[in-house]
Amino acid sequence: MTSLPTVRTAKKRFPRLAVTALAIGLMTGTALVAPPAAITAHAASPASLPSFADLVEKVTPAVVTITAAHKVTTPQVPQELQEMMRHFGLPDEALPGGRGGNGRPRIESALGSGFVIDPSGYIVTNRHVIEGADEVKVHFQDQTDDVPAKIVGQDERSDLALLKVEPKKPLQALAFGDSDKMRPGDWVIAVGNPFGLGGTVTAGIVSARGRDIDAANLNDFLQIDASINKGNSGGPTFNANGEVIGINTAIFSPTGGSVGIGFAIPSNVAKPVIEKLKATGHVQRGYLGVTLQAVTPEIADSLGLKEPKGAIINAVSPKSPAEKGGLKQGDVVQSINGKSIDNQRDLARNVAGIDPGKTVDLGVLRGGKAITVSVKLGEAPNSGDKDNGPGGSTSPDGKGDNASVAGLKLGKLDDRTRERMGLDNDAQGVVIVDPGKDDLGLRPGDIIASVNNESVKAPADVNSQVEKAKKDGRKSVLLLVRRGDQQMFLPLPVTPKG
């Protein structure tokens, strides 16, 4: 059984604890480890605790197990090495890929969870469950055989994906609840497929709201203490009414198993993403072009506000929709289209949920006066994730306008991107869409100006320098990176870490 990838370690908040995605990886032909023998417990349940049996009976038929299969090719092992290993008594299975490592393809699978949101067969899960899959299948609790599923769309930024099956009859579907109404201490119930044990039910409470765990580009997770483990990814978390208020995505754990610190994408964050995936297969997000910070009690007091609500603008990007609309540094945004704003996360979420090109009316406090500023939203940089499976828009060989090179996802710095990022028309370089590893010092939006002191204008130029370094036997290349008004040199390993 292969281990799960570590998403990221939030060293600032939780040292020594890893944020772990909850899909199970396994090789075809291997079995899941059998669960340990059950231990009989004789403790009586307090009469005051609620029973969720009726709720569970109602919702579990709509919770499914998802299997995502990937084709991988094992490296060819030289005949001399095979003979040497056999000489020392090692079986064929010990060779890379097993059975001689002859370069033949094999199938690896990942297990996760999901849930039906539409009787016609639409199913929600996490993107990391089905990422890169050549084949996806869904297992319903009341059926014997798995059902093939099509990937309708997936969104990297939110780590959400939408699948579609073709049912013979209408399916039981789940309804979303209002995650904004959930408070710390409210009961929650999680249902999923931990360690391949489909239909597993756990209960707990909301531990906290608005958690930033530095994963999946989200900063608004629900923290729950209902036990979730590997295989729960993409499964639902319910409120006491049986409504989905979260999608289980990650855990903090020093061991890889549940320690009562789980994270779910709030339903109010997921719903607009899922609606866009269903309509178009990808997600476009609105874009203001501002840097925001929270209105603290101290800031509220200095501005004469009765309570610390809203989002204060501490920077406006040049040539951005915000600048064109008249927003200024120091403005406090208190509402959007008449809806009050609680904090900077609330504003960012609302803006992202509105289609690019639409005009929004922002209630702003400027110099102690309440005004309305109308802004026509742009499209968020790199918000459209059209990679709906094999053959998507990212080139793995570094030759496309959007390419993967040495573990980095790179994009071409064209006129449209320059405008979004507020760069001069003659700015040159390659934009980092996703740095991949958080230990490189790179960030999304950084501009690579040169590699080994050679100017680069396209991902292919970066790829060329990386390949040249490999041929020269070098372990890394030197990047000149621009970040805002700063420039810095950073090394990039030519071979990404595993």
Protein backbone atom coordinates (compact mmCIF):
# COMPACT_ATOMS: atom_id res chain seq x y z
CA MET A 1 0.00 0.00 0.00
CA THR A 2 1.43 3.37 -0.89
CA SER A 3 1.36 6.25 1.51
CA LEU A 4 -0.57 9.44 1.01
CA PRO A 5 1.20 12.59 -0.15
CA THR A 6 1.69 15.28 2.43
CA VAL A 7 -0.10 18.39 1.26
CA ARG A 8 1.81 20.89 3.40
CA THR A 9 3.10 21.47 6.89
CA ALA A 10 1.75 24.57 8.54
CA LYS A 11 4.86 25.29 10.56
CA LYS A 12 3.69 28.66 11.79
CA ARG A 13 0.55 27.36 13.36
CA PHE A 14 1.08 23.70 14.12
CA PRO A 15 4.77 22.67 14.22
CA ARG A 16 5.55 19.01 13.60
CA LEU A 17 2.06 18.29 12.29
CA ALA A 18 1.46 17.49 8.64
CA VAL A 19 -1.64 18.39 6.66
CA THR A 20 -2.49 15.18 4.83
CA ALA A 21 -4.85 14.58 1.93
CA LEU A 22 -7.32 11.84 2.67
CA ALA A 23 -7.28 9.63 -0.43
CA ILE A 24 -5.89 6.09 -0.16
CA GLY A 25 -3.30 4.99 -2.71
CA LEU A 26 -2.95 1.29 -3.52
CA MET A 27 -1.55 -0.89 -6.28
CA THR A 28 -3.81 -3.15 -8.29
CA GLY A 29 -3.50 -6.70 -7.06
CA THR A 30 -2.82 -5.75 -3.46
CA ALA A 31 -5.42 -5.86 -0.71
CA LEU A 32 -6.22 -3.25 1.86
CA VAL A 33 -4.83 -4.10 5.27
CA ALA A 34 -7.47 -5.95 7.26
CA PRO A 35 -8.91 -3.96 10.15
CA PRO A 36 -7.77 -5.05 13.62
CA ALA A 37 -9.96 -7.42 15.58
CA ALA A 38 -12.90 -5.71 17.22
CA ILE A 39 -12.71 -5.11 20.96
CA THR A 40 -15.94 -5.31 22.89
CA ALA A 41 -16.71 -2.19 24.91
CA HIS A 42 -19.14 -2.36 27.82
CA ALA A 43 -19.36 1.32 28.73
CA ALA A 44 -22.91 2.63 28.72
CA SER A 45 -23.80 5.69 26.62
CA PRO A 46 -25.06 8.71 28.56
CA ALA A 47 -28.79 9.13 28.05
CA SER A 48 -28.37 12.82 27.25
CA LEU A 49 -26.37 12.26 24.05
CA PRO A 50 -28.39 12.30 20.81
CA SER A 51 -28.78 9.40 18.42
CA PHE A 52 -28.11 10.09 14.75
CA ALA A 53 -29.35 6.71 13.57
CA ASP A 54 -32.39 8.03 11.68
CA LEU A 55 -30.32 10.74 10.01
CA VAL A 56 -27.59 8.28 9.02
CA GLU A 57 -30.11 5.84 7.58
CA LYS A 58 -31.49 8.66 5.46
CA VAL A 59 -28.24 10.06 4.03
CA THR A 60 -25.83 7.14 3.65
CA PRO A 61 -27.31 5.77 0.38
CA ALA A 62 -26.13 8.98 -1.32
CA VAL A 63 -22.53 8.64 -0.09
CA VAL A 64 -20.27 6.72 -2.47
CA THR A 65 -16.80 5.21 -2.72
CA ILE A 66 -14.62 6.48 -5.56
CA THR A 67 -11.78 4.57 -7.19
CA ALA A 68 -9.41 6.47 -9.48
CA ALA A 69 -7.06 4.34 -11.59
CA HIS A 70 -3.75 5.60 -12.99
CA LYS A 71 -1.50 3.88 -15.52
CA VAL A 72 2.19 4.01 -14.58
CA THR A 73 5.21 2.49 -16.28
CA THR A 74 7.98 0.89 -14.25
CA PRO A 75 11.55 1.62 -15.31
CA GLN A 76 13.42 -0.96 -17.36
CA VAL A 77 15.93 -2.74 -15.11
CA PRO A 78 19.17 -3.75 -16.91
CA GLN A 79 19.61 -7.49 -17.31
CA GLU A 80 22.94 -7.36 -15.45
CA LEU A 81 21.26 -5.82 -12.39
CA GLN A 82 18.49 -8.41 -12.49
CA GLU A 83 21.03 -11.23 -12.56
CA MET A 84 23.06 -9.68 -9.73
CA MET A 85 20.01 -9.29 -7.49
CA ARG A 86 18.93 -12.86 -8.16
CA HIS A 87 22.50 -14.00 -7.39
CA PHE A 88 22.07 -12.58 -3.91
CA GLY A 89 18.77 -14.37 -3.48
CA LEU A 90 16.41 -11.44 -4.02
CA PRO A 91 13.05 -12.38 -5.61
CA ASP A 92 11.74 -10.72 -8.76
CA GLU A 93 9.23 -8.80 -6.65
CA ALA A 94 12.13 -6.92 -5.02
CA LEU A 95 13.17 -5.43 -8.34
CA PRO A 96 11.83 -1.96 -9.22
CA GLY A 97 8.33 -2.58 -10.52
CA GLY A 98 8.52 -6.27 -9.57
CA ARG A 99 8.76 -9.21 -11.99
CA GLY A 100 11.94 -7.94 -13.57
CA GLY A 101 11.03 -4.28 -13.91
CA ASN A 102 10.56 -4.68 -17.65
CA GLY A 103 9.05 -1.25 -18.34
CA ARG A 104 5.53 -2.59 -18.73
CA PRO A 105 2.62 -0.41 -17.57
CA ARG A 106 0.77 -1.26 -14.38
CA ILE A 107 -2.31 0.16 -12.70
CA GLU A 108 -2.26 2.10 -9.44
CA SER A 109 -5.47 3.19 -7.76
CA ALA A 110 -6.58 5.74 -5.19
CA LEU A 111 -9.66 5.43 -3.00
CA GLY A 112 -11.76 8.31 -1.79
CA SER A 113 -15.32 9.31 -1.01
CA GLY A 114 -18.00 11.38 -2.68
CA PHE A 115 -21.70 12.15 -2.57
CA VAL A 116 -24.60 12.56 -4.98
CA ILE A 117 -25.96 16.09 -5.40
CA ASP A 118 -28.38 15.50 -8.27
CA PRO A 119 -30.69 12.53 -9.02
CA SER A 120 -29.42 12.53 -12.61
CA GLY A 121 -25.99 11.35 -11.45
CA TYR A 122 -23.78 14.31 -10.49
CA ILE A 123 -21.30 13.47 -7.73
CA VAL A 124 -18.97 15.75 -5.76
CA THR A 125 -15.52 14.76 -4.50
CA ASN A 126 -12.07 16.24 -3.94
CA ARG A 127 -9.88 17.00 -6.92
CA HIS A 128 -6.89 15.25 -5.35
CA VAL A 129 -8.89 11.99 -5.29
CA ILE A 130 -9.23 11.85 -9.10
CA GLU A 131 -6.28 14.02 -10.19
CA GLY A 132 -4.55 12.52 -13.23
CA ALA A 133 -6.88 9.51 -13.32
CA ASP A 134 -7.24 7.50 -16.52
CA GLU A 135 -10.38 5.83 -15.22
CA VAL A 136 -12.81 6.70 -12.43
CA LYS A 137 -15.40 4.34 -10.94
CA VAL A 138 -18.08 4.86 -8.31
CA HIS A 139 -19.45 2.27 -5.89
CA PHE A 140 -22.92 2.67 -4.39
CA GLN A 141 -23.76 0.89 -1.16
CA ASP A 142 -26.84 -0.78 -2.62
CA GLN A 143 -25.05 -2.09 -5.72
CA THR A 144 -22.57 -4.89 -6.30
CA ASP A 145 -20.73 -3.57 -9.33
CA ASP A 146 -18.81 -0.33 -9.70
CA VAL A 147 -20.20 2.27 -12.09
CA PRO A 148 -17.94 4.18 -14.54
CA ALA A 149 -17.87 7.94 -14.04
CA LYS A 150 -16.92 10.85 -16.26
CA ILE A 151 -14.99 13.84 -14.91
CA VAL A 152 -17.21 16.84 -15.66
CA GLY A 153 -14.74 19.34 -14.26
CA GLN A 154 -12.21 19.97 -11.54
CA ASP A 155 -10.89 23.06 -9.80
CA GLU A 156 -7.38 23.04 -8.38
CA ARG A 157 -7.78 26.15 -6.27
CA SER A 158 -10.67 24.76 -4.22
CA ASP A 159 -9.65 21.08 -4.53
CA LEU A 160 -13.12 20.18 -5.78
CA ALA A 161 -14.22 17.95 -8.64
CA LEU A 162 -17.55 17.03 -10.20
CA LEU A 163 -18.26 13.58 -11.64
CA LYS A 164 -21.18 12.22 -13.65
CA VAL A 165 -22.57 8.70 -13.79
CA GLU A 166 -25.43 7.44 -15.94
CA PRO A 167 -27.89 5.81 -13.52
CA LYS A 168 -30.64 3.46 -14.59
CA LYS A 169 -33.02 5.23 -12.23
CA PRO A 170 -32.96 8.56 -10.36
CA LEU A 171 -30.49 8.56 -7.49
CA GLN A 172 -31.02 9.73 -3.96
CA ALA A 173 -29.33 13.13 -3.67
CA LEU A 174 -28.13 15.23 -0.76
CA ALA A 175 -28.90 18.88 -0.11
CA PHE A 176 -26.43 21.56 0.95
CA GLY A 177 -26.95 23.44 4.19
CA ASP A 178 -25.73 26.88 5.22
CA SER A 179 -22.19 26.48 6.57
CA ASP A 180 -22.19 30.11 7.74
CA LYS A 181 -24.73 29.15 10.39
CA MET A 182 -22.46 26.51 11.92
CA ARG A 183 -20.95 27.51 15.25
CA PRO A 184 -18.17 25.96 17.31
CA GLY A 185 -19.85 23.32 19.44
CA ASP A 186 -22.52 22.37 16.88
CA TRP A 187 -22.88 18.65 16.17
CA VAL A 188 -21.55 17.28 12.86
CA ILE A 189 -21.65 13.80 11.31
CA ALA A 190 -19.08 12.56 8.76
CA VAL A 191 -19.75 9.66 6.39
CA GLY A 192 -17.15 8.16 4.08
CA ASN A 193 -14.74 5.43 3.12
CA PRO A 194 -11.79 5.49 5.57
CA PHE A 195 -9.21 2.80 4.78
CA GLY A 196 -11.68 1.30 2.30
CA LEU A 197 -14.37 0.76 4.95
CA GLY A 198 -17.29 2.23 3.03
CA GLY A 199 -20.29 3.63 4.86
CA THR A 200 -18.32 4.50 8.00
CA VAL A 201 -20.09 7.06 10.20
CA THR A 202 -18.42 9.28 12.81
CA ALA A 203 -19.75 12.16 14.87
CA GLY A 204 -18.27 15.18 16.58
CA ILE A 205 -18.54 18.94 16.76
CA VAL A 206 -17.38 22.00 14.88
CA SER A 207 -14.12 22.88 16.61
CA ALA A 208 -13.46 26.18 14.81
CA ARG A 209 -14.32 28.18 11.71
CA GLY A 210 -12.22 30.05 9.17
CA ARG A 211 -9.13 27.89 9.56
CA ASP A 212 -6.19 28.69 7.26
CA ILE A 213 -4.16 25.49 6.83
CA ASP A 214 -2.19 26.69 3.78
CA ALA A 215 -3.59 23.95 1.54
CA ALA A 216 -5.61 23.99 -1.68
CA ASN A 217 -5.35 27.80 -1.81
CA LEU A 218 -8.20 28.06 0.69
CA ASN A 219 -8.17 29.90 3.99
CA ASP A 220 -11.68 29.24 5.24
CA PHE A 221 -11.91 25.62 6.39
CA LEU A 222 -14.26 24.25 9.00
CA GLN A 223 -12.31 22.40 11.69
CA ILE A 224 -14.14 19.36 13.04
CA ASP A 225 -13.31 16.67 15.58
CA ALA A 226 -15.43 13.93 13.97
CA SER A 227 -12.91 11.24 13.10
CA ILE A 228 -11.85 11.35 9.44
CA ASN A 229 -8.98 9.35 7.96
CA LYS A 230 -7.36 8.34 4.70
CA GLY A 231 -10.16 7.53 2.28
CA ASN A 232 -12.57 10.13 3.69
CA SER A 233 -11.48 12.70 1.09
CA GLY A 234 -14.45 14.09 -0.79
CA GLY A 235 -17.01 12.73 1.63
CA PRO A 236 -19.69 14.87 3.28
CA THR A 237 -19.97 16.35 6.74
CA PHE A 238 -23.59 16.86 7.81
CA ASN A 239 -25.31 19.13 10.27
CA ALA A 240 -27.94 17.75 12.64
CA ASN A 241 -30.60 18.22 9.93
CA GLY A 242 -28.83 15.91 7.48
CA GLU A 243 -27.65 18.76 5.22
CA VAL A 244 -24.13 18.82 3.79
CA ILE A 245 -22.24 21.69 5.42
CA GLY A 246 -18.70 20.56 4.55
CA ILE A 247 -16.58 18.39 2.27
CA ASN A 248 -13.88 16.47 4.13
CA THR A 249 -10.47 17.29 2.69
CA ALA A 250 -7.52 17.12 5.10
CA ILE A 251 -6.31 16.33 8.60
CA PHE A 252 -3.54 17.46 10.89
CA SER A 253 -1.76 14.41 12.23
CA PRO A 254 1.70 13.38 13.45
CA THR A 255 0.92 9.77 12.51
CA GLY A 256 -1.23 9.93 9.36
CA GLY A 257 -4.33 8.85 11.28
CA SER A 258 -7.07 10.84 12.94
CA VAL A 259 -6.24 12.73 16.12
CA GLY A 260 -9.48 14.69 16.10
CA ILE A 261 -8.29 17.59 13.95
CA GLY A 262 -10.00 17.42 10.56
CA PHE A 263 -10.81 20.04 7.95
CA ALA A 264 -13.79 20.37 5.63
CA ILE A 265 -14.45 22.81 2.80
CA PRO A 266 -17.53 24.82 3.87
CA SER A 267 -20.62 24.22 1.76
CA ASN A 268 -20.99 27.94 1.08
CA VAL A 269 -17.52 27.91 -0.47
CA ALA A 270 -18.17 24.73 -2.44
CA LYS A 271 -21.62 25.48 -3.88
CA PRO A 272 -20.66 28.24 -6.36
CA VAL A 273 -17.64 26.23 -7.51
CA ILE A 274 -19.76 23.14 -8.12
CA GLU A 275 -22.39 25.16 -9.97
CA LYS A 276 -19.73 26.53 -12.33
CA LEU A 277 -18.18 23.11 -12.88
CA LYS A 278 -21.61 21.75 -13.74
CA ALA A 279 -22.32 24.59 -16.17
CA THR A 280 -18.96 24.94 -17.95
CA GLY A 281 -16.54 22.32 -16.64
CA HIS A 282 -14.20 24.93 -15.16
CA VAL A 283 -14.23 27.89 -12.81
CA GLN A 284 -13.68 31.56 -13.57
CA ARG A 285 -13.37 33.86 -10.59
CA GLY A 286 -13.93 37.55 -10.21
CA TYR A 287 -10.87 39.72 -9.54
CA LEU A 288 -10.49 43.11 -7.86
CA GLY A 289 -6.72 43.49 -7.69
CA VAL A 290 -6.30 44.57 -4.06
CA THR A 291 -4.42 43.38 -0.99
CA LEU A 292 -6.66 43.09 2.04
CA GLN A 293 -6.27 42.81 5.77
CA ALA A 294 -8.61 42.37 8.69
CA VAL A 295 -10.20 45.27 10.52
CA THR A 296 -8.88 44.66 14.03
CA PRO A 297 -10.49 46.20 17.13
CA GLU A 298 -7.64 48.72 17.19
CA ILE A 299 -8.18 49.68 13.54
CA ALA A 300 -11.93 49.89 14.09
CA ASP A 301 -11.39 52.20 17.06
CA SER A 302 -9.05 54.46 15.09
CA LEU A 303 -11.61 54.73 12.29
CA GLY A 304 -14.52 55.33 14.63
CA LEU A 305 -16.25 52.05 13.75
CA LYS A 306 -18.64 50.51 16.25
CA GLU A 307 -17.35 46.98 15.60
CA PRO A 308 -14.35 45.38 13.83
CA LYS A 309 -16.06 44.31 10.61
CA GLY A 310 -15.17 44.69 6.94
CA ALA A 311 -11.90 44.52 5.02
CA ILE A 312 -9.33 47.30 4.77
CA ILE A 313 -7.42 47.76 1.50
CA ASN A 314 -3.69 48.10 2.12
CA ALA A 315 -2.62 48.04 -1.54
CA VAL A 316 -4.23 48.50 -4.96
CA SER A 317 -2.55 46.82 -7.93
CA PRO A 318 -1.70 49.15 -10.83
CA LYS A 319 -4.02 48.87 -13.83
CA SER A 320 -6.28 46.52 -11.87
CA PRO A 321 -10.10 46.62 -11.88
CA ALA A 322 -9.91 48.14 -8.40
CA GLU A 323 -7.73 51.02 -9.57
CA LYS A 324 -9.89 51.60 -12.64
CA GLY A 325 -13.01 51.60 -10.45
CA GLY A 326 -11.60 54.15 -8.02
CA LEU A 327 -10.76 52.08 -4.94
CA LYS A 328 -7.94 53.50 -2.83
CA GLN A 329 -5.49 52.36 -0.21
CA GLY A 330 -7.09 52.73 3.22
CA ASP A 331 -10.65 52.16 2.01
CA VAL A 332 -12.68 49.90 4.28
CA VAL A 333 -15.02 47.68 2.27
CA GLN A 334 -18.12 47.02 4.34
CA SER A 335 -20.52 45.51 1.81
CA ILE A 336 -20.74 44.05 -1.69
CA ASN A 337 -23.98 44.38 -3.65
CA GLY A 338 -25.77 45.24 -0.42
CA LYS A 339 -24.46 42.21 1.50
CA SER A 340 -22.44 43.06 4.59
CA ILE A 341 -18.81 41.92 4.76
CA ASP A 342 -17.48 40.39 7.98
CA ASN A 343 -13.77 40.22 7.16
CA GLN A 344 -11.21 40.03 4.37
CA ARG A 345 -11.91 36.34 3.74
CA ASP A 346 -15.60 37.09 3.35
CA LEU A 347 -14.88 39.78 0.75
CA ALA A 348 -12.42 37.61 -1.17
CA ARG A 349 -14.89 34.71 -1.24
CA ASN A 350 -17.75 36.90 -2.46
CA VAL A 351 -15.65 38.50 -5.20
CA ALA A 352 -14.37 35.10 -6.37
CA GLY A 353 -17.95 33.83 -6.60
CA ILE A 354 -18.98 36.52 -9.09
CA ASP A 355 -18.33 36.09 -12.81
CA PRO A 356 -15.62 38.23 -14.41
CA GLY A 357 -17.02 41.18 -16.35
CA LYS A 358 -19.85 41.86 -13.92
CA THR A 359 -20.03 45.15 -12.04
CA VAL A 360 -20.28 45.10 -8.25
CA ASP A 361 -21.30 47.91 -5.91
CA LEU A 362 -18.99 48.12 -2.93
CA GLY A 363 -20.02 49.92 0.24
CA VAL A 364 -16.85 51.72 1.30
CA LEU A 365 -15.85 53.83 4.28
CA ARG A 366 -13.36 56.49 3.14
CA GLY A 367 -12.20 59.28 5.41
CA GLY A 368 -15.08 58.66 7.77
CA LYS A 369 -17.68 58.94 5.01
CA ALA A 370 -19.73 56.08 3.57
CA ILE A 371 -19.63 55.96 -0.23
CA THR A 372 -20.45 53.45 -2.97
CA VAL A 373 -17.78 52.44 -5.48
CA SER A 374 -18.78 50.49 -8.60
CA VAL A 375 -16.11 48.17 -10.00
CA LYS A 376 -16.20 45.96 -13.09
CA LEU A 377 -14.50 42.74 -12.06
CA GLY A 378 -11.68 41.18 -14.03
CA GLU A 379 -10.80 37.50 -14.17
CA ALA A 380 -8.62 36.17 -11.37
CA PRO A 381 -5.15 35.14 -12.59
CA ASN A 382 -5.02 31.41 -13.32
CA SER A 383 -8.60 30.96 -12.13
CA GLY A 384 -9.74 28.92 -15.10
CA ASP A 385 -8.81 25.29 -14.46
CA LYS A 386 -9.80 23.48 -17.64
CA ASP A 387 -7.65 20.43 -16.98
CA ASN A 388 -10.48 17.92 -16.85
CA GLY A 389 -8.30 14.86 -17.07
CA PRO A 390 -5.63 13.52 -19.43
CA GLY A 391 -4.80 15.85 -22.28
CA GLY A 392 -5.53 19.08 -20.42
CA SER A 393 -4.04 22.51 -21.07
CA THR A 394 -0.78 22.04 -19.10
CA SER A 395 2.12 20.63 -21.08
CA PRO A 396 4.27 18.16 -19.12
CA ASP A 397 7.30 18.61 -21.39
CA GLY A 398 7.77 22.34 -20.89
CA LYS A 399 6.91 23.25 -24.47
CA GLY A 400 3.44 24.82 -24.14
CA ASP A 401 2.31 28.27 -23.03
CA ASN A 402 1.39 26.54 -19.76
CA ALA A 403 3.87 23.88 -18.78
CA SER A 404 5.27 21.77 -15.95
CA VAL A 405 9.03 22.13 -15.54
CA ALA A 406 11.06 20.64 -12.66
CA GLY A 407 7.97 20.47 -10.46
CA LEU A 408 6.82 24.02 -11.26
CA LYS A 409 3.67 24.91 -13.15
CA LEU A 410 4.63 27.81 -15.40
CA GLY A 411 2.66 30.20 -17.59
CA LYS A 412 3.56 32.53 -20.42
CA LEU A 413 3.71 36.21 -19.49
CA ASP A 414 1.39 37.52 -22.21
CA ASP A 415 -0.36 40.89 -22.44
CA ARG A 416 -3.45 39.62 -20.63
CA THR A 417 -1.39 38.29 -17.72
CA ARG A 418 0.66 41.50 -17.56
CA GLU A 419 -2.55 43.51 -17.24
CA ARG A 420 -3.93 41.24 -14.51
CA MET A 421 -0.70 41.48 -12.52
CA GLY A 422 -0.28 45.21 -13.03
CA LEU A 423 3.03 44.84 -14.92
CA ASP A 424 4.52 47.14 -17.52
CA ASN A 425 3.75 46.28 -21.14
CA ASP A 426 7.41 45.45 -21.81
CA ALA A 427 7.84 43.18 -18.76
CA GLN A 428 9.49 39.89 -19.71
CA GLY A 429 9.77 36.54 -18.01
CA VAL A 430 7.75 33.45 -17.10
CA VAL A 431 5.05 33.48 -14.41
CA ILE A 432 4.91 30.78 -11.73
CA VAL A 433 1.36 29.43 -11.59
CA ASP A 434 2.06 26.82 -8.89
CA PRO A 435 5.47 26.40 -7.18
CA GLY A 436 4.64 22.85 -6.15
CA LYS A 437 6.96 22.58 -3.15
CA ASP A 438 6.75 25.05 -0.29
CA ASP A 439 10.43 24.66 0.64
CA LEU A 440 11.77 26.36 -2.50
CA GLY A 441 10.90 29.90 -1.47
CA LEU A 442 8.77 30.43 -4.58
CA ARG A 443 5.20 31.73 -4.66
CA PRO A 444 2.36 31.80 -7.20
CA GLY A 445 2.70 35.00 -9.22
CA ASP A 446 6.50 35.17 -8.99
CA ILE A 447 8.19 36.05 -12.29
CA ILE A 448 11.24 34.08 -13.45
CA ALA A 449 13.41 36.64 -15.28
CA SER A 450 16.39 34.40 -16.01
CA VAL A 451 17.74 30.90 -15.51
CA ASN A 452 21.50 30.55 -15.03
CA ASN A 453 21.80 34.20 -16.12
CA GLU A 454 20.01 33.49 -19.41
CA SER A 455 16.85 35.55 -19.98
CA VAL A 456 13.64 33.56 -20.40
CA LYS A 457 10.43 34.57 -22.14
CA ALA A 458 8.47 31.30 -22.24
CA PRO A 459 8.24 28.04 -20.26
CA ALA A 460 10.17 26.34 -23.06
CA ASP A 461 13.17 28.58 -22.29
CA VAL A 462 13.12 27.47 -18.65
CA ASN A 463 12.79 23.84 -19.71
CA SER A 464 15.75 24.22 -22.09
CA GLN A 465 18.01 25.50 -19.30
CA VAL A 466 16.86 22.73 -16.95
CA GLU A 467 17.57 20.04 -19.53
CA LYS A 468 20.98 21.58 -20.27
CA ALA A 469 21.83 21.50 -16.57
CA LYS A 470 20.83 17.85 -16.39
CA LYS A 471 23.15 16.99 -19.28
CA ASP A 472 25.97 18.90 -17.58
CA GLY A 473 25.44 16.86 -14.43
CA ARG A 474 24.20 19.77 -12.32
CA LYS A 475 21.71 19.25 -9.53
CA SER A 476 20.08 22.69 -9.75
CA VAL A 477 19.73 25.87 -11.79
CA LEU A 478 19.81 29.45 -10.51
CA LEU A 479 16.63 31.47 -10.97
CA LEU A 480 16.42 35.24 -10.90
CA VAL A 481 12.96 35.83 -9.47
CA ARG A 482 10.98 39.07 -9.39
CA ARG A 483 8.36 39.50 -6.70
CA GLY A 484 6.75 42.91 -6.81
CA ASP A 485 9.56 45.45 -6.51
CA GLN A 486 12.02 42.86 -5.19
CA GLN A 487 14.47 40.60 -7.00
CA MET A 488 16.19 37.54 -5.59
CA PHE A 489 18.22 34.54 -6.70
CA LEU A 490 16.82 31.13 -5.78
CA PRO A 491 18.11 27.64 -6.66
CA LEU A 492 15.75 25.19 -8.36
CA PRO A 493 16.52 21.44 -8.25
CA VAL A 494 16.38 20.06 -11.78
CA THR A 495 14.78 16.89 -10.44
CA PRO A 496 11.74 17.52 -8.19
CA LYS A 497 11.79 15.89 -4.77
CA GLY A 498 9.48 12.92 -4.36
